[in-house]
């Protein structure tokens, strides 16, 4: 395919006349989608591949991360390089959409994109790219919340934003996905519109969904995802009809929340989530000399450092949650117990002059802190579904037998 495109002059060339190389760590280049003949050729290739393979979906990677500014200026039109870079993204999505149509799969093909612009973000579900297998806010677990909240706020009509559960960027002896990280990530993914795992860049060193200490837990998270269907369906409808973000940051709804509520959010109008995004059990990582690039530690750049043992595995741990106050006629109900929050939690702070309470909640694995508005339309159904799914899992002798390994 490369040599065919090369000889047809369908590739983007740099100033020296050679194909523009990708910055990613593998040999690749770019089809000149601004060339109508090249765009048509690419569409036909994808459509044929879909037909021949019988594929029912595709993970459409890349398309957004390259600096094509210097090679696109004045090539096809008078737009500057930055405008043409964004235009390239639009042409990329258009080509995939047209290929799916020509393959006759418009209504039964699931494609999700890593790239988009304001013109294209409603066409396909999106995912956030290749997070590190860390907890940090720069490119780890916390960055999933940051990225999702920002993307949904800037384009609320597309609620379908996802991630690689567990993260992707991983290296032996350097960045390795632990079982706890995978589990915390699965907890968070259960509140999205899709749950999708990925083995990661270095599967051999990462905790995987088929491992004994992870698979049962992941099934538990799938049960939570299923139980939230009434809330999810309503939140998707609100996003698509009323432009209310599927995930909406708590501090965009309530004023004067403390910084500790940065990662708290609503799903729809009635579900309030305060995910656990830190390592609470942990294991001490022994790290040798930190590699340096331009005097900066690579370990620091990737948000990686030694993990301090917080609690023995299985021991109950707690975290603090900023819980917005509701009117006198309503309250928050714990989705795991069905009990009103004020009756089952220890209040650390309940100042009547502010519109929130700081409470201590159970942060044990398998119970991501989440609360549903008392008296809301789906309160009883969600709590009953969670209870039913937990009971079913306890009754199954070997939950792993229900997971299909591929």
Protein backbone atom coordinates (compact mmCIF):
# COMPACT_ATOMS: atom_id res chain seq x y z
CA UNK A 1 0.00 0.00 0.00
CA UNK A 2 2.86 2.36 0.84
CA UNK A 3 4.63 1.89 -2.49
CA UNK A 4 1.40 2.20 -4.43
CA UNK A 5 0.68 5.52 -2.73
CA UNK A 6 4.28 6.61 -3.20
CA UNK A 7 4.32 5.94 -6.94
CA UNK A 8 0.92 7.58 -7.39
CA UNK A 9 2.29 10.63 -5.49
CA UNK A 10 -0.47 10.35 -2.91
CA UNK A 11 1.79 10.99 0.09
CA UNK A 12 2.48 14.28 1.85
CA UNK A 13 6.03 15.34 1.03
CA UNK A 14 8.32 17.52 3.10
CA UNK A 15 10.30 20.42 1.66
CA UNK A 16 12.98 18.07 0.38
CA UNK A 17 10.40 16.11 -1.64
CA UNK A 18 10.48 12.97 0.50
CA UNK A 19 7.45 11.52 2.36
CA UNK A 20 6.78 13.26 5.64
CA UNK A 21 7.68 10.90 8.48
CA UNK A 22 5.51 10.34 11.50
CA UNK A 23 6.88 11.36 14.88
CA UNK A 24 5.65 8.09 16.38
CA UNK A 25 8.15 5.28 17.10
CA UNK A 26 7.29 3.24 14.02
CA UNK A 27 7.72 3.70 10.29
CA UNK A 28 4.73 5.56 8.88
CA UNK A 29 3.80 8.52 6.76
CA UNK A 30 0.72 10.49 5.64
CA UNK A 31 -1.66 10.23 2.72
CA UNK A 32 -2.29 13.62 1.16
CA UNK A 33 -6.03 13.75 1.82
CA UNK A 34 -6.19 17.25 0.34
CA UNK A 35 -5.59 15.59 -3.03
CA UNK A 36 -9.06 14.41 -4.21
CA UNK A 37 -7.54 11.43 -6.06
CA UNK A 38 -5.61 10.36 -2.97
CA UNK A 39 -8.69 10.76 -0.76
CA UNK A 40 -10.77 8.63 -3.14
CA UNK A 41 -8.05 5.97 -3.31
CA UNK A 42 -7.87 5.82 0.49
CA UNK A 43 -11.68 5.50 0.82
CA UNK A 44 -11.72 2.59 -1.61
CA UNK A 45 -8.93 0.84 0.29
CA UNK A 46 -10.74 1.10 3.63
CA UNK A 47 -14.12 0.08 2.18
CA UNK A 48 -12.57 -3.00 0.57
CA UNK A 49 -10.83 -3.93 3.82
CA UNK A 50 -14.10 -3.68 5.77
CA UNK A 51 -15.91 -5.87 3.25
CA UNK A 52 -13.18 -8.50 2.93
CA UNK A 53 -12.53 -8.83 6.64
CA UNK A 54 -16.16 -8.84 7.73
CA UNK A 55 -15.22 -6.34 10.43
CA UNK A 56 -17.99 -4.85 12.54
CA UNK A 57 -15.96 -2.02 14.04
CA UNK A 58 -12.67 -0.16 13.98
CA UNK A 59 -10.41 1.78 16.33
CA UNK A 60 -9.40 4.69 14.10
CA UNK A 61 -6.10 5.86 15.51
CA UNK A 62 -3.93 8.93 15.01
CA UNK A 63 -4.69 11.71 12.55
CA UNK A 64 -4.31 14.49 15.12
CA UNK A 65 -0.88 14.42 16.68
CA UNK A 66 1.35 15.49 13.83
CA UNK A 67 2.72 18.87 12.95
CA UNK A 68 1.88 19.19 9.28
CA UNK A 69 2.06 22.96 9.45
CA UNK A 70 5.35 23.38 7.66
CA UNK A 71 4.54 21.03 4.77
CA UNK A 72 0.97 22.10 4.07
CA UNK A 73 1.38 25.86 3.76
CA UNK A 74 0.27 26.91 0.29
CA UNK A 75 0.14 23.33 -0.96
CA UNK A 76 -3.51 23.17 -1.96
CA UNK A 77 -5.12 26.47 -0.93
CA UNK A 78 -4.52 29.77 0.80
CA UNK A 79 -5.24 28.52 4.34
CA UNK A 80 -2.35 28.73 6.77
CA UNK A 81 -0.70 25.58 8.09
CA UNK A 82 -2.69 25.42 11.32
CA UNK A 83 -5.99 25.67 9.48
CA UNK A 84 -4.91 22.98 7.06
CA UNK A 85 -3.85 20.77 9.95
CA UNK A 86 -7.41 20.93 11.36
CA UNK A 87 -8.80 20.47 7.87
CA UNK A 88 -6.76 17.29 7.53
CA UNK A 89 -8.54 15.89 10.59
CA UNK A 90 -11.91 16.60 8.96
CA UNK A 91 -10.87 14.90 5.72
CA UNK A 92 -9.60 11.91 7.72
CA UNK A 93 -12.96 11.42 9.44
CA UNK A 94 -14.88 12.05 6.21
CA UNK A 95 -12.88 9.31 4.49
CA UNK A 96 -13.65 6.77 7.20
CA UNK A 97 -17.34 7.72 7.23
CA UNK A 98 -17.58 7.37 3.44
CA UNK A 99 -15.73 4.03 3.46
CA UNK A 100 -18.20 2.63 6.01
CA UNK A 101 -21.09 3.81 3.82
CA UNK A 102 -19.64 2.20 0.67
CA UNK A 103 -19.07 -1.04 2.56
CA UNK A 104 -22.81 -1.07 3.32
CA UNK A 105 -22.27 -0.92 7.07
CA UNK A 106 -23.63 2.51 8.00
CA UNK A 107 -26.10 1.06 10.50
CA UNK A 108 -24.05 -1.81 11.93
CA UNK A 109 -20.42 -0.71 12.20
CA UNK A 110 -18.89 0.70 15.39
CA UNK A 111 -15.96 3.02 14.70
CA UNK A 112 -14.39 5.25 17.32
CA UNK A 113 -11.90 8.03 16.77
CA UNK A 114 -8.95 9.52 18.55
CA UNK A 115 -9.06 12.70 16.50
CA UNK A 116 -11.59 15.44 15.93
CA UNK A 117 -12.26 19.15 15.55
CA UNK A 118 -15.25 21.30 16.35
CA UNK A 119 -16.63 20.38 12.90
CA UNK A 120 -16.32 16.62 13.32
CA UNK A 121 -16.64 15.64 16.98
CA UNK A 122 -20.29 14.62 16.66
CA UNK A 123 -19.67 12.05 13.94
CA UNK A 124 -18.03 9.28 15.96
CA UNK A 125 -17.43 8.20 19.55
CA UNK A 126 -14.06 9.48 20.74
CA UNK A 127 -11.34 8.20 23.00
CA UNK A 128 -8.66 10.16 24.77
CA UNK A 129 -5.52 8.52 23.41
CA UNK A 130 -2.68 6.72 25.11
CA UNK A 131 -2.57 7.49 28.84
CA UNK A 132 0.35 6.37 30.97
CA UNK A 133 -0.26 3.54 33.43
CA UNK A 134 -0.05 6.00 36.33
CA UNK A 135 -2.43 7.89 38.57
CA UNK A 136 -1.25 11.45 37.83
CA UNK A 137 -3.12 14.32 36.24
CA UNK A 138 -0.65 14.92 33.42
CA UNK A 139 -1.26 11.75 31.41
CA UNK A 140 -2.48 9.16 33.89
CA UNK A 141 -5.79 8.18 35.48
CA UNK A 142 -6.63 11.70 36.68
CA UNK A 143 -6.07 13.05 33.17
CA UNK A 144 -8.98 10.88 31.97
CA UNK A 145 -11.32 12.89 34.19
CA UNK A 146 -9.75 16.20 33.13
CA UNK A 147 -9.91 15.32 29.44
CA UNK A 148 -13.43 13.90 29.56
CA UNK A 149 -14.88 16.83 31.50
CA UNK A 150 -13.28 19.34 29.16
CA UNK A 151 -14.22 17.51 25.98
CA UNK A 152 -17.82 16.99 27.06
CA UNK A 153 -18.17 20.60 28.21
CA UNK A 154 -16.82 21.94 24.91
CA UNK A 155 -19.00 19.59 22.87
CA UNK A 156 -21.88 18.42 25.07
CA UNK A 157 -23.89 16.82 22.25
CA UNK A 158 -21.43 13.94 21.95
CA UNK A 159 -21.59 11.98 25.21
CA UNK A 160 -19.55 9.08 23.82
CA UNK A 161 -16.04 9.74 25.10
CA UNK A 162 -13.98 6.80 26.29
CA UNK A 163 -10.50 5.69 27.26
CA UNK A 164 -8.21 2.67 27.43
CA UNK A 165 -9.22 1.17 30.77
CA UNK A 166 -5.97 0.73 32.68
CA UNK A 167 -3.96 3.07 30.46
CA UNK A 168 -1.75 2.21 27.50
CA UNK A 169 1.78 3.63 27.69
CA UNK A 170 3.84 1.09 29.62
CA UNK A 171 7.41 -0.18 29.71
CA UNK A 172 9.11 -3.06 31.56
CA UNK A 173 10.78 -1.98 34.83
CA UNK A 174 9.61 1.57 34.24
CA UNK A 175 5.86 1.92 33.80
CA UNK A 176 3.95 -1.23 34.70
CA UNK A 177 0.19 -1.44 35.23
CA UNK A 178 -0.62 -2.77 38.69
CA UNK A 179 -3.82 -4.66 39.54
CA UNK A 180 -4.99 -1.79 41.76
CA UNK A 181 -4.53 0.79 39.01
CA UNK A 182 -6.49 -1.36 36.57
CA UNK A 183 -9.28 -1.79 39.11
CA UNK A 184 -9.51 1.91 39.95
CA UNK A 185 -9.59 2.67 36.22
CA UNK A 186 -12.36 0.09 35.69
CA UNK A 187 -14.33 1.74 38.52
CA UNK A 188 -14.14 5.04 36.64
CA UNK A 189 -14.90 3.51 33.23
CA UNK A 190 -18.18 2.10 34.55
CA UNK A 191 -19.55 5.66 34.62
CA UNK A 192 -18.79 6.30 30.92
CA UNK A 193 -21.03 5.33 28.00
CA UNK A 194 -18.63 2.55 26.94
CA UNK A 195 -16.18 0.29 28.78
CA UNK A 196 -13.20 -0.87 26.77
CA UNK A 197 -9.97 -2.51 27.90
CA UNK A 198 -6.56 -2.54 26.21
CA UNK A 199 -3.54 -4.78 26.89
CA UNK A 200 -1.28 -1.73 26.64
CA UNK A 201 2.03 -1.11 24.95
CA UNK A 202 3.78 -3.78 27.05
CA UNK A 203 1.15 -6.46 27.74
CA UNK A 204 3.62 -8.82 29.39
CA UNK A 205 4.19 -6.49 32.36
CA UNK A 206 0.65 -5.16 32.77
CA UNK A 207 -2.22 -6.41 34.88
CA UNK A 208 -4.77 -7.76 32.40
CA UNK A 209 -8.50 -8.36 32.47
CA UNK A 210 -7.94 -12.13 32.15
CA UNK A 211 -5.61 -12.36 35.16
CA UNK A 212 -6.99 -14.16 38.21
CA UNK A 213 -6.68 -11.13 40.51
CA UNK A 214 -8.43 -8.82 38.03
CA UNK A 215 -11.06 -10.73 36.02
CA UNK A 216 -13.59 -11.20 38.85
CA UNK A 217 -13.22 -7.57 39.78
CA UNK A 218 -13.76 -6.41 36.20
CA UNK A 219 -16.93 -8.47 36.03
CA UNK A 220 -18.09 -6.62 39.15
CA UNK A 221 -17.47 -3.29 37.34
CA UNK A 222 -19.39 -4.52 34.30
CA UNK A 223 -22.26 -5.25 36.68
CA UNK A 224 -22.09 -1.65 37.89
CA UNK A 225 -22.06 -0.43 34.28
CA UNK A 226 -25.17 -2.51 33.54
CA UNK A 227 -26.94 -1.31 36.66
CA UNK A 228 -26.43 2.33 35.68
CA UNK A 229 -28.28 1.90 32.36
CA UNK A 230 -31.36 3.97 33.39
CA UNK A 231 -29.12 6.86 34.43
CA UNK A 232 -26.91 6.45 31.37
CA UNK A 233 -29.80 6.46 28.90
CA UNK A 234 -31.29 9.58 30.47
CA UNK A 235 -27.92 11.37 30.57
CA UNK A 236 -27.25 10.56 26.90
CA UNK A 237 -30.67 11.97 25.97
CA UNK A 238 -30.02 15.14 27.98
CA UNK A 239 -26.68 15.59 26.23
CA UNK A 240 -28.08 15.13 22.75
CA UNK A 241 -31.29 17.14 23.19
CA UNK A 242 -30.45 19.77 25.81
CA UNK A 243 -26.64 20.00 25.50
CA UNK A 244 -26.07 19.05 29.12
CA UNK A 245 -22.65 17.33 29.25
CA UNK A 246 -22.89 13.61 30.05
CA UNK A 247 -20.20 14.21 32.67
CA UNK A 248 -20.49 17.66 34.20
CA UNK A 249 -17.88 18.95 36.64
CA UNK A 250 -19.30 19.53 40.11
CA UNK A 251 -17.70 22.96 40.34
CA UNK A 252 -19.62 24.07 37.23
CA UNK A 253 -22.86 23.30 39.09
CA UNK A 254 -22.00 24.44 42.62
CA UNK A 255 -20.09 27.56 43.58
CA UNK A 256 -17.20 27.74 46.03
CA UNK A 257 -16.42 24.04 46.18
CA UNK A 258 -12.95 23.32 47.57
CA UNK A 259 -10.11 22.14 45.35
CA UNK A 260 -10.58 18.58 46.57
CA UNK A 261 -13.77 18.44 44.46
CA UNK A 262 -11.81 18.98 41.24
CA UNK A 263 -12.45 15.42 40.08
CA UNK A 264 -16.05 15.13 41.29
CA UNK A 265 -18.71 15.15 38.61
CA UNK A 266 -22.34 14.53 37.74
CA UNK A 267 -23.60 11.86 35.36
CA UNK A 268 -26.80 13.42 34.09
CA UNK A 269 -28.69 15.41 36.70
CA UNK A 270 -29.06 12.97 39.56
CA UNK A 271 -25.89 10.86 39.95
CA UNK A 272 -22.91 12.38 41.76
CA UNK A 273 -19.55 10.59 41.47
CA UNK A 274 -16.40 11.15 43.52
CA UNK A 275 -13.97 8.61 42.03
CA UNK A 276 -10.95 7.28 43.89
CA UNK A 277 -7.99 8.26 41.69
CA UNK A 278 -5.06 7.52 44.00
CA UNK A 279 -3.23 4.40 45.04
CA UNK A 280 -4.51 3.57 48.51
CA UNK A 281 -3.24 0.03 48.95
CA UNK A 282 -0.11 0.23 46.87
CA UNK A 283 3.22 -1.47 46.87
CA UNK A 284 6.64 0.07 47.28
CA UNK A 285 8.43 0.37 43.96
CA UNK A 286 12.22 0.26 44.18
CA UNK A 287 13.48 2.63 41.53
CA UNK A 288 17.12 2.84 40.53
CA UNK A 289 18.86 5.85 39.05
CA UNK A 290 16.37 8.06 37.24
CA UNK A 291 17.17 8.52 33.58
CA UNK A 292 17.67 12.14 32.59
CA UNK A 293 16.68 14.10 29.51
CA UNK A 294 18.02 17.65 29.44
CA UNK A 295 18.54 17.44 33.18
CA UNK A 296 14.94 16.37 33.91
CA UNK A 297 13.98 13.04 35.37
CA UNK A 298 12.02 10.84 32.95
CA UNK A 299 10.33 9.32 35.98
CA UNK A 300 9.06 12.73 37.03
CA UNK A 301 7.95 13.50 33.48
CA UNK A 302 5.81 10.35 33.41
CA UNK A 303 4.39 11.02 36.87
CA UNK A 304 6.18 7.95 38.20
CA UNK A 305 7.81 7.56 41.58
CA UNK A 306 8.09 5.19 44.51
CA UNK A 307 4.73 4.06 45.86
CA UNK A 308 4.34 4.02 49.62
CA UNK A 309 2.42 1.15 51.13
CA UNK A 310 -0.87 2.67 52.33
CA UNK A 311 -2.81 -0.32 53.65
CA UNK A 312 -2.70 -4.10 53.42
CA UNK A 313 -4.69 -5.57 50.55
CA UNK A 314 -8.33 -6.04 51.50
CA UNK A 315 -8.25 -3.65 54.44
CA UNK A 316 -10.92 -0.97 54.54
CA UNK A 317 -9.65 2.44 53.45
CA UNK A 318 -11.42 5.77 53.33
CA UNK A 319 -11.26 9.00 51.38
CA UNK A 320 -12.86 12.40 51.76
CA UNK A 321 -15.66 13.50 49.45
CA UNK A 322 -17.09 16.97 48.92
CA UNK A 323 -20.83 16.38 48.87
CA UNK A 324 -22.96 19.31 47.65
CA UNK A 325 -25.88 20.16 49.88
CA UNK A 326 -29.37 19.76 48.47
CA UNK A 327 -32.64 21.36 49.49
CA UNK A 328 -34.40 20.44 52.69
CA UNK A 329 -36.67 18.01 50.87
CA UNK A 330 -33.87 15.96 49.32
CA UNK A 331 -30.61 14.24 50.17
CA UNK A 332 -27.88 12.07 48.65
CA UNK A 333 -28.29 8.30 48.79
CA UNK A 334 -25.32 5.91 48.67
CA UNK A 335 -25.77 3.68 45.58
CA UNK A 336 -24.08 0.75 47.36
CA UNK A 337 -26.24 0.64 50.48
CA UNK A 338 -29.36 2.62 49.60
CA UNK A 339 -28.92 4.64 52.80
CA UNK A 340 -29.04 8.41 53.04
CA UNK A 341 -25.49 9.75 53.16
CA UNK A 342 -25.88 11.76 56.35
CA UNK A 343 -26.99 8.66 58.25
CA UNK A 344 -24.04 6.46 57.37
CA UNK A 345 -21.02 8.75 57.07
CA UNK A 346 -18.81 10.59 59.51
CA UNK A 347 -19.05 14.32 58.82
CA UNK A 348 -15.65 15.96 58.88
CA UNK A 349 -17.08 19.37 58.11
CA UNK A 350 -20.69 20.52 57.90
CA UNK A 351 -20.49 24.30 58.00
CA UNK A 352 -23.96 25.76 57.48
CA UNK A 353 -22.49 28.80 55.74
CA UNK A 354 -21.31 26.77 52.73
CA UNK A 355 -23.24 24.68 50.23
CA UNK A 356 -21.32 21.47 50.73
CA UNK A 357 -20.25 18.99 53.38
CA UNK A 358 -16.87 17.30 53.59
CA UNK A 359 -17.50 13.68 54.49
CA UNK A 360 -15.40 10.56 54.92
CA UNK A 361 -16.46 7.61 52.79
CA UNK A 362 -15.47 4.03 52.19
CA UNK A 363 -12.85 3.91 49.41
CA UNK A 364 -12.30 0.16 49.37
CA UNK A 365 -11.87 -1.46 45.99
CA UNK A 366 -15.19 -2.27 44.39
CA UNK A 367 -17.13 0.61 45.94
CA UNK A 368 -16.37 3.80 44.00
CA UNK A 369 -18.08 6.61 45.93
CA UNK A 370 -21.26 7.59 44.10
CA UNK A 371 -24.56 9.03 45.27
CA UNK A 372 -27.97 9.37 43.67
CA UNK A 373 -30.44 12.12 44.44
CA UNK A 374 -33.12 10.94 46.86
CA UNK A 375 -36.53 10.77 45.23
CA UNK A 376 -35.11 11.02 41.70
CA UNK A 377 -36.71 9.10 38.87
CA UNK A 378 -34.18 6.25 38.79
CA UNK A 379 -33.09 6.08 42.43
CA UNK A 380 -34.83 2.83 43.33
CA UNK A 381 -34.14 1.11 40.01
CA UNK A 382 -30.39 1.80 40.08
CA UNK A 383 -29.93 0.71 43.69
CA UNK A 384 -31.99 -2.44 43.14
CA UNK A 385 -30.01 -3.32 39.98
CA UNK A 386 -26.69 -2.87 41.78
CA UNK A 387 -27.86 -5.07 44.65
CA UNK A 388 -29.18 -7.71 42.22
CA UNK A 389 -25.91 -7.84 40.25
CA UNK A 390 -23.81 -8.12 43.41
CA UNK A 391 -26.02 -10.99 44.58
CA UNK A 392 -25.74 -12.76 41.22
CA UNK A 393 -21.95 -12.52 41.29
CA UNK A 394 -21.84 -13.99 44.77
CA UNK A 395 -24.00 -16.90 43.62
CA UNK A 396 -21.79 -17.72 40.64
CA UNK A 397 -19.13 -20.27 41.59
CA UNK A 398 -16.60 -19.07 39.04
CA UNK A 399 -17.44 -15.63 37.57
CA UNK A 400 -14.48 -15.85 35.18
CA UNK A 401 -16.24 -18.50 33.11
CA UNK A 402 -18.54 -15.76 31.81
CA UNK A 403 -15.63 -13.76 30.38
CA UNK A 404 -14.77 -14.63 26.80
CA UNK A 405 -11.02 -14.72 26.16
CA UNK A 406 -9.95 -13.67 22.70
